[in-house]
Amino acid sequence: MSSQRIEGEKIRCVGRKISKPRLIHQTGKRRAVEIFVEGRPAKAEVVKAWRVIKQY
């Protein structure tokens, strides 16, 4: 089984079963929530694309 990664500001997932939300640590003092979505097949799509803002 291989893992594939998608990245975006907002991601929508569709599946038949989700896990209990788990708090994880990101870079610095940031925190994030991790859930696992199961299904036949489980699907995910980026709703809002990732924006990179350059500061001069």
Protein backbone atom coordinates (compact mmCIF):
# COMPACT_ATOMS: atom_id res chain seq x y z
CA MET A 1 0.00 0.00 0.00
CA SER A 2 1.49 3.35 -1.01
CA SER A 3 0.80 6.74 0.53
CA GLN A 4 -0.04 9.79 -1.55
CA ARG A 5 -0.15 13.34 -0.24
CA ILE A 6 -2.27 16.32 -1.28
CA GLU A 7 -1.85 19.82 0.16
CA GLY A 8 -4.18 22.81 0.25
CA GLU A 9 -5.78 25.36 2.55
CA LYS A 10 -9.04 23.43 2.61
CA ILE A 11 -9.48 19.70 1.87
CA ARG A 12 -12.75 17.77 1.67
CA CYS A 13 -12.79 14.02 2.40
CA VAL A 14 -15.55 11.53 1.67
CA GLY A 15 -15.72 8.04 3.11
CA ARG A 16 -17.83 5.60 5.06
CA LYS A 17 -16.01 5.77 8.39
CA ILE A 18 -13.87 8.42 10.13
CA SER A 19 -11.62 8.08 13.15
CA LYS A 20 -11.80 10.10 16.33
CA PRO A 21 -10.07 13.50 15.85
CA ARG A 22 -6.55 13.55 17.33
CA LEU A 23 -4.58 16.69 18.23
CA ILE A 24 -1.06 16.74 16.72
CA HIS A 25 1.73 19.31 16.84
CA GLN A 26 2.87 21.15 13.74
CA THR A 27 5.84 23.50 13.35
CA GLY A 28 6.43 25.92 16.22
CA LYS A 29 3.42 26.42 18.46
CA ARG A 30 0.95 25.42 15.76
CA ARG A 31 -1.48 22.61 16.42
CA ALA A 32 -3.48 20.59 13.95
CA VAL A 33 -6.15 17.88 13.97
CA GLU A 34 -5.60 14.50 12.34
CA ILE A 35 -8.39 12.13 11.28
CA PHE A 36 -8.40 9.00 9.17
CA VAL A 37 -11.12 8.47 6.56
CA GLU A 38 -11.93 4.93 5.43
CA GLY A 39 -14.09 3.83 2.53
CA ARG A 40 -14.23 1.81 -0.65
CA PRO A 41 -12.79 4.07 -2.00
CA ALA A 42 -12.09 6.95 0.39
CA LYS A 43 -11.76 10.19 -1.59
CA ALA A 44 -10.13 13.56 -0.90
CA GLU A 45 -10.02 16.73 -2.96
CA VAL A 46 -8.56 20.20 -2.51
CA VAL A 47 -11.38 22.75 -2.16
CA LYS A 48 -9.14 25.79 -1.71
CA ALA A 49 -5.67 25.74 -3.27
CA TRP A 50 -2.56 26.61 -1.28
CA ARG A 51 -1.48 30.27 -1.63
CA VAL A 52 2.07 31.45 -1.18
CA ILE A 53 2.37 35.10 -0.27
CA LYS A 54 5.74 36.75 -0.84
CA GLN A 55 6.72 39.47 1.58
CA TYR A 56 9.28 42.02 0.39
